[in-house]
PDB file of N, CA and C in Angstrom:
ATOM      1  N   MET A   1      83.032  81.797 143.998  1.00  0.00           N
ATOM      2  CA  MET A   1      83.796  82.284 142.879  1.00  0.00           C
ATOM      3  C   MET A   1      84.346  83.663 143.242  1.00  0.00           C
ATOM      4  N   ALA A   2      85.606  83.847 143.018  1.00  0.00           N
ATOM      5  CA  ALA A   2      86.259  85.109 143.359  1.00  0.00           C
ATOM      6  C   ALA A   2      86.333  85.999 142.130  1.00  0.00           C
ATOM      7  N   ALA A   3      86.189  87.267 142.363  1.00  0.00           N
ATOM      8  CA  ALA A   3      86.308  88.254 141.282  1.00  0.00           C
ATOM      9  C   ALA A   3      87.521  89.124 141.558  1.00  0.00           C
ATOM     10  N   TYR A   4      88.213  89.466 140.493  1.00  0.00           N
ATOM     11  CA  TYR A   4      89.410  90.289 140.632  1.00  0.00           C
ATOM     12  C   TYR A   4      89.195  91.576 139.840  1.00  0.00           C
ATOM     13  N   GLU A   5      89.348  92.690 140.504  1.00  0.00           N
ATOM     14  CA  GLU A   5      89.153  93.994 139.863  1.00  0.00           C
ATOM     15  C   GLU A   5      90.426  94.376 139.103  1.00  0.00           C
ATOM     16  N   THR A   6      90.294  94.636 137.808  1.00  0.00           N
ATOM     17  CA  THR A   6      91.467  94.958 136.992  1.00  0.00           C
ATOM     18  C   THR A   6      91.434  96.372 136.447  1.00  0.00           C
ATOM     19  N   SER A   7      90.593  97.220 136.962  1.00  0.00           N
ATOM     20  CA  SER A   7      90.477  98.576 136.407  1.00  0.00           C
ATOM     21  C   SER A   7      91.274  99.574 137.245  1.00  0.00           C
ATOM     22  N   ASP A   8      92.586  99.371 137.302  1.00  0.00           N
ATOM     23  CA  ASP A   8      93.455 100.303 138.009  1.00  0.00           C
ATOM     24  C   ASP A   8      93.646 101.563 137.169  1.00  0.00           C
ATOM     25  N   ALA A   9      93.936 102.647 137.833  1.00  0.00           N
ATOM     26  CA  ALA A   9      94.217 103.901 137.130  1.00  0.00           C
ATOM     27  C   ALA A   9      95.564 103.800 136.423  1.00  0.00           C
ATOM     28  N   ALA A  10      95.715 104.567 135.362  1.00  0.00           N
ATOM     29  CA  ALA A  10      96.987 104.597 134.636  1.00  0.00           C
ATOM     30  C   ALA A  10      98.055 105.223 135.518  1.00  0.00           C
ATOM     31  N   PRO A  11      99.287 104.788 135.367  1.00  0.00           N
ATOM     32  CA  PRO A  11     100.369 105.372 136.169  1.00  0.00           C
ATOM     33  C   PRO A  11     100.512 106.868 135.893  1.00  0.00           C
ATOM     34  N   PHE A  12     101.047 107.580 136.857  1.00  0.00           N
ATOM     35  CA  PHE A  12     101.204 109.013 136.736  1.00  0.00           C
ATOM     36  C   PHE A  12     102.067 109.356 135.518  1.00  0.00           C
ATOM     37  N   GLY A  13     101.542 110.189 134.668  1.00  0.00           N
ATOM     38  CA  GLY A  13     102.274 110.644 133.495  1.00  0.00           C
ATOM     39  C   GLY A  13     102.120 109.778 132.265  1.00  0.00           C
ATOM     40  N   ALA A  14     101.450 108.643 132.385  1.00  0.00           N
ATOM     41  CA  ALA A  14     101.330 107.733 131.245  1.00  0.00           C
ATOM     42  C   ALA A  14     100.534 108.370 130.106  1.00  0.00           C
ATOM     43  N   ILE A  15      99.495 109.090 130.436  1.00  0.00           N
ATOM     44  CA  ILE A  15      98.670 109.722 129.410  1.00  0.00           C
ATOM     45  C   ILE A  15      99.465 110.819 128.707  1.00  0.00           C
ATOM     46  N   SER A  16     100.224 111.587 129.455  1.00  0.00           N
ATOM     47  CA  SER A  16     101.047 112.643 128.862  1.00  0.00           C
ATOM     48  C   SER A  16     102.103 112.059 127.929  1.00  0.00           C
ATOM     49  N   ILE A  17     102.724 110.976 128.360  1.00  0.00           N
ATOM     50  CA  ILE A  17     103.731 110.329 127.517  1.00  0.00           C
ATOM     51  C   ILE A  17     103.083 109.778 126.262  1.00  0.00           C
ATOM     52  N   PHE A  18     101.920 109.137 126.396  1.00  0.00           N
ATOM     53  CA  PHE A  18     101.216 108.595 125.243  1.00  0.00           C
ATOM     54  C   PHE A  18     100.877 109.701 124.246  1.00  0.00           C
ATOM     55  N   ARG A  19     100.375 110.818 124.737  1.00  0.00           N
ATOM     56  CA  ARG A  19     100.024 111.929 123.842  1.00  0.00           C
ATOM     57  C   ARG A  19     101.262 112.518 123.179  1.00  0.00           C
ATOM     58  N   SER A  20     102.358 112.591 123.892  1.00  0.00           N
ATOM     59  CA  SER A  20     103.605 113.104 123.306  1.00  0.00           C
ATOM     60  C   SER A  20     104.086 112.189 122.190  1.00  0.00           C
ATOM     61  N   VAL A  21     104.043 110.895 122.432  1.00  0.00           N
ATOM     62  CA  VAL A  21     104.452 109.930 121.411  1.00  0.00           C
ATOM     63  C   VAL A  21     103.508 110.006 120.219  1.00  0.00           C
ATOM     64  N   GLN A  22     102.226 110.177 120.483  1.00  0.00           N
ATOM     65  CA  GLN A  22     101.242 110.280 119.405  1.00  0.00           C
ATOM     66  C   GLN A  22     101.483 111.525 118.558  1.00  0.00           C
ATOM     67  N   ILE A  23     101.830 112.645 119.169  1.00  0.00           N
ATOM     68  CA  ILE A  23     102.112 113.876 118.437  1.00  0.00           C
ATOM     69  C   ILE A  23     103.339 113.695 117.545  1.00  0.00           C
ATOM     70  N   VAL A  24     104.381 113.081 118.084  1.00  0.00           N
ATOM     71  CA  VAL A  24     105.590 112.837 117.293  1.00  0.00           C
ATOM     72  C   VAL A  24     105.278 111.894 116.130  1.00  0.00           C
ATOM     73  N   SER A  25     104.506 110.858 116.397  1.00  0.00           N
ATOM     74  CA  SER A  25     104.136 109.908 115.358  1.00  0.00           C
ATOM     75  C   SER A  25     103.309 110.576 114.262  1.00  0.00           C
ATOM     76  N   ASP A  26     102.329 111.389 114.642  1.00  0.00           N
ATOM     77  CA  ASP A  26     101.516 112.111 113.661  1.00  0.00           C
ATOM     78  C   ASP A  26     102.367 113.063 112.826  1.00  0.00           C
ATOM     79  N   THR A  27     103.305 113.733 113.477  1.00  0.00           N
ATOM     80  CA  THR A  27     104.188 114.654 112.769  1.00  0.00           C
ATOM     81  C   THR A  27     105.047 113.914 111.750  1.00  0.00           C
ATOM     82  N   LEU A  28     105.589 112.774 112.138  1.00  0.00           N
ATOM     83  CA  LEU A  28     106.400 111.984 111.207  1.00  0.00           C
ATOM     84  C   LEU A  28     105.568 111.449 110.051  1.00  0.00           C
ATOM     85  N   ASN A  29     104.330 111.046 110.317  1.00  0.00           N
ATOM     86  CA  ASN A  29     103.448 110.570 109.247  1.00  0.00           C
ATOM     87  C   ASN A  29     103.123 111.687 108.263  1.00  0.00           C
ATOM     88  N   ARG A  30     102.864 112.880 108.785  1.00  0.00           N
ATOM     89  CA  ARG A  30     102.571 114.016 107.900  1.00  0.00           C
ATOM     90  C   ARG A  30     103.795 114.404 107.082  1.00  0.00           C
ATOM     91  N   LEU A  31     104.952 114.364 107.699  1.00  0.00           N
ATOM     92  CA  LEU A  31     106.189 114.669 106.988  1.00  0.00           C
ATOM     93  C   LEU A  31     106.435 113.650 105.885  1.00  0.00           C
ATOM     94  N   SER A  32     106.193 112.397 106.161  1.00  0.00           N
ATOM     95  CA  SER A  32     106.361 111.343 105.168  1.00  0.00           C
ATOM     96  C   SER A  32     105.381 111.527 104.007  1.00  0.00           C
ATOM     97  N   ALA A  33     104.130 111.851 104.300  1.00  0.00           N
ATOM     98  CA  ALA A  33     103.134 112.069 103.251  1.00  0.00           C
ATOM     99  C   ALA A  33     103.501 113.281 102.400  1.00  0.00           C
ATOM    100  N   TRP A  34     103.997 114.348 103.042  1.00  0.00           N
ATOM    101  CA  TRP A  34     104.417 115.533 102.300  1.00  0.00           C
ATOM    102  C   TRP A  34     105.570 115.195 101.366  1.00  0.00           C
ATOM    103  N   ASN A  35     106.536 114.422 101.863  1.00  0.00           N
ATOM    104  CA  ASN A  35     107.685 114.058 101.036  1.00  0.00           C
ATOM    105  C   ASN A  35     107.260 113.172  99.867  1.00  0.00           C
ATOM    106  N   ASP A  36     106.357 112.242 100.099  1.00  0.00           N
ATOM    107  CA  ASP A  36     105.857 111.393  99.013  1.00  0.00           C
ATOM    108  C   ASP A  36     105.188 112.234  97.928  1.00  0.00           C
ATOM    109  N   ALA A  37     104.380 113.205  98.340  1.00  0.00           N
ATOM    110  CA  ALA A  37     103.715 114.084  97.378  1.00  0.00           C
ATOM    111  C   ALA A  37     104.740 114.923  96.620  1.00  0.00           C
ATOM    112  N   ARG A  38     105.770 115.389  97.310  1.00  0.00           N
ATOM    113  CA  ARG A  38     106.819 116.187  96.674  1.00  0.00           C
ATOM    114  C   ARG A  38     107.560 115.371  95.620  1.00  0.00           C
ATOM    115  N   VAL A  39     107.884 114.139  95.946  1.00  0.00           N
ATOM    116  CA  VAL A  39     108.591 113.263  95.005  1.00  0.00           C
ATOM    117  C   VAL A  39     107.704 112.959  93.804  1.00  0.00           C
ATOM    118  N   THR A  40     106.412 112.723  94.048  1.00  0.00           N
ATOM    119  CA  THR A  40     105.471 112.448  92.955  1.00  0.00           C
ATOM    120  C   THR A  40     105.357 113.643  92.026  1.00  0.00           C
ATOM    121  N   ARG A  41     105.197 114.848  92.602  1.00  0.00           N
ATOM    122  CA  ARG A  41     105.112 116.059  91.771  1.00  0.00           C
ATOM    123  C   ARG A  41     106.387 116.256  90.957  1.00  0.00           C
ATOM    124  N   SER A  42     107.520 115.989  91.580  1.00  0.00           N
ATOM    125  CA  SER A  42     108.794 116.144  90.884  1.00  0.00           C
ATOM    126  C   SER A  42     108.905 115.175  89.710  1.00  0.00           C
ATOM    127  N   ALA A  43     108.537 113.923  89.943  1.00  0.00           N
ATOM    128  CA  ALA A  43     108.621 112.910  88.884  1.00  0.00           C
ATOM    129  C   ALA A  43     107.654 113.229  87.747  1.00  0.00           C
ATOM    130  N   LEU A  44     106.439 113.624  88.083  1.00  0.00           N
ATOM    131  CA  LEU A  44     105.466 113.953  87.039  1.00  0.00           C
ATOM    132  C   LEU A  44     105.855 115.239  86.313  1.00  0.00           C
ATOM    133  N   GLY A  45     106.481 116.159  87.020  1.00  0.00           N
ATOM    134  CA  GLY A  45     106.898 117.411  86.394  1.00  0.00           C
ATOM    135  C   GLY A  45     107.998 117.219  85.367  1.00  0.00           C
ATOM    136  N   LYS A  46     108.756 116.146  85.489  1.00  0.00           N
ATOM    137  CA  LYS A  46     109.833 115.870  84.543  1.00  0.00           C
ATOM    138  C   LYS A  46     109.339 115.200  83.264  1.00  0.00           C
ATOM    139  N   LEU A  47     108.099 114.713  83.279  1.00  0.00           N
ATOM    140  CA  LEU A  47     107.551 114.056  82.091  1.00  0.00           C
ATOM    141  C   LEU A  47     107.170 115.089  81.036  1.00  0.00           C
ATOM    142  N   THR A  48     107.231 114.670  79.785  1.00  0.00           N
ATOM    143  CA  THR A  48     106.800 115.550  78.698  1.00  0.00           C
ATOM    144  C   THR A  48     105.276 115.544  78.629  1.00  0.00           C
ATOM    145  N   ASP A  49     104.732 116.510  77.881  1.00  0.00           N
ATOM    146  CA  ASP A  49     103.284 116.562  77.718  1.00  0.00           C
ATOM    147  C   ASP A  49     102.760 115.293  77.043  1.00  0.00           C
ATOM    148  N   ARG A  50     103.527 114.743  76.147  1.00  0.00           N
ATOM    149  CA  ARG A  50     103.142 113.509  75.461  1.00  0.00           C
ATOM    150  C   ARG A  50     103.077 112.332  76.451  1.00  0.00           C
ATOM    151  N   GLU A  51     104.068 112.240  77.324  1.00  0.00           N
ATOM    152  CA  GLU A  51     104.085 111.158  78.314  1.00  0.00           C
ATOM    153  C   GLU A  51     102.944 111.322  79.316  1.00  0.00           C
ATOM    154  N   LEU A  52     102.663 112.551  79.707  1.00  0.00           N
ATOM    155  CA  LEU A  52     101.526 112.790  80.605  1.00  0.00           C
ATOM    156  C   LEU A  52     100.215 112.409  79.929  1.00  0.00           C
ATOM    157  N   ASP A  53     100.101 112.732  78.647  1.00  0.00           N
ATOM    158  CA  ASP A  53      98.887 112.381  77.896  1.00  0.00           C
ATOM    159  C   ASP A  53      98.730 110.868  77.804  1.00  0.00           C
ATOM    160  N   ASP A  54      99.829 110.149  77.703  1.00  0.00           N
ATOM    161  CA  ASP A  54      99.777 108.686  77.646  1.00  0.00           C
ATOM    162  C   ASP A  54      99.188 108.078  78.915  1.00  0.00           C
ATOM    163  N   ILE A  55      99.407 108.713  80.056  1.00  0.00           N
ATOM    164  CA  ILE A  55      98.851 108.181  81.304  1.00  0.00           C
ATOM    165  C   ILE A  55      97.561 108.895  81.702  1.00  0.00           C
ATOM    166  N   GLY A  56      97.047 109.719  80.799  1.00  0.00           N
ATOM    167  CA  GLY A  56      95.742 110.335  81.019  1.00  0.00           C
ATOM    168  C   GLY A  56      95.769 111.590  81.871  1.00  0.00           C
ATOM    169  N   LEU A  57      96.879 112.293  81.882  1.00  0.00           N
ATOM    170  CA  LEU A  57      97.006 113.513  82.673  1.00  0.00           C
ATOM    171  C   LEU A  57      97.390 114.683  81.782  1.00  0.00           C
ATOM    172  N   CYS A  58      97.155 115.867  82.289  1.00  0.00           N
ATOM    173  CA  CYS A  58      97.654 117.066  81.626  1.00  0.00           C
ATOM    174  C   CYS A  58      98.552 117.798  82.613  1.00  0.00           C
ATOM    175  N   ARG A  59      99.249 118.800  82.149  1.00  0.00           N
ATOM    176  CA  ARG A  59     100.211 119.512  82.981  1.00  0.00           C
ATOM    177  C   ARG A  59      99.552 120.101  84.232  1.00  0.00           C
ATOM    178  N   GLY A  60      98.292 120.539  84.128  1.00  0.00           N
ATOM    179  CA  GLY A  60      97.596 121.125  85.269  1.00  0.00           C
ATOM    180  C   GLY A  60      97.222 120.112  86.344  1.00  0.00           C
ATOM    181  N   ASP A  61      97.179 118.838  85.988  1.00  0.00           N
ATOM    182  CA  ASP A  61      96.831 117.796  86.951  1.00  0.00           C
ATOM    183  C   ASP A  61      97.969 117.445  87.904  1.00  0.00           C
ATOM    184  N   VAL A  62      99.187 117.787  87.511  1.00  0.00           N
ATOM    185  CA  VAL A  62     100.362 117.395  88.301  1.00  0.00           C
ATOM    186  C   VAL A  62     100.280 117.952  89.716  1.00  0.00           C
ATOM    187  N   GLU A  63      99.928 119.207  89.857  1.00  0.00           N
ATOM    188  CA  GLU A  63      99.849 119.828  91.186  1.00  0.00           C
ATOM    189  C   GLU A  63      98.721 119.209  92.016  1.00  0.00           C
ATOM    190  N   LEU A  64      97.613 118.890  91.373  1.00  0.00           N
ATOM    191  CA  LEU A  64      96.473 118.312  92.109  1.00  0.00           C
ATOM    192  C   LEU A  64      96.769 116.900  92.604  1.00  0.00           C
ATOM    193  N   ILE A  65      97.498 116.136  91.824  1.00  0.00           N
ATOM    194  CA  ILE A  65      97.796 114.748  92.196  1.00  0.00           C
ATOM    195  C   ILE A  65      98.715 114.717  93.427  1.00  0.00           C
ATOM    196  N   GLY A  66      99.634 115.654  93.503  1.00  0.00           N
ATOM    197  CA  GLY A  66     100.567 115.673  94.613  1.00  0.00           C
ATOM    198  C   GLY A  66      99.934 116.045  95.934  1.00  0.00           C
ATOM    199  N   ARG A  67      98.748 116.558  95.914  1.00  0.00           N
ATOM    200  CA  ARG A  67      98.092 116.953  97.153  1.00  0.00           C
ATOM    201  C   ARG A  67      97.421 115.784  97.739  1.00  0.00           C
TER     202      ARG A  67
END
């Protein structure tokens, strides 16, 4: 029975490229999460106190929810 070794080293620069792509991906994910929170805070900020009370929130909760 023959065995074949498959544990070759990664090509030169592959790890650096992977980390660069990962940094860009993480940055885009954080930017997207920040924008979602901003839109949520904006939408909740436009509601009246009565409408916020209907969904179980008060004006002070708006900032906490967006985080």
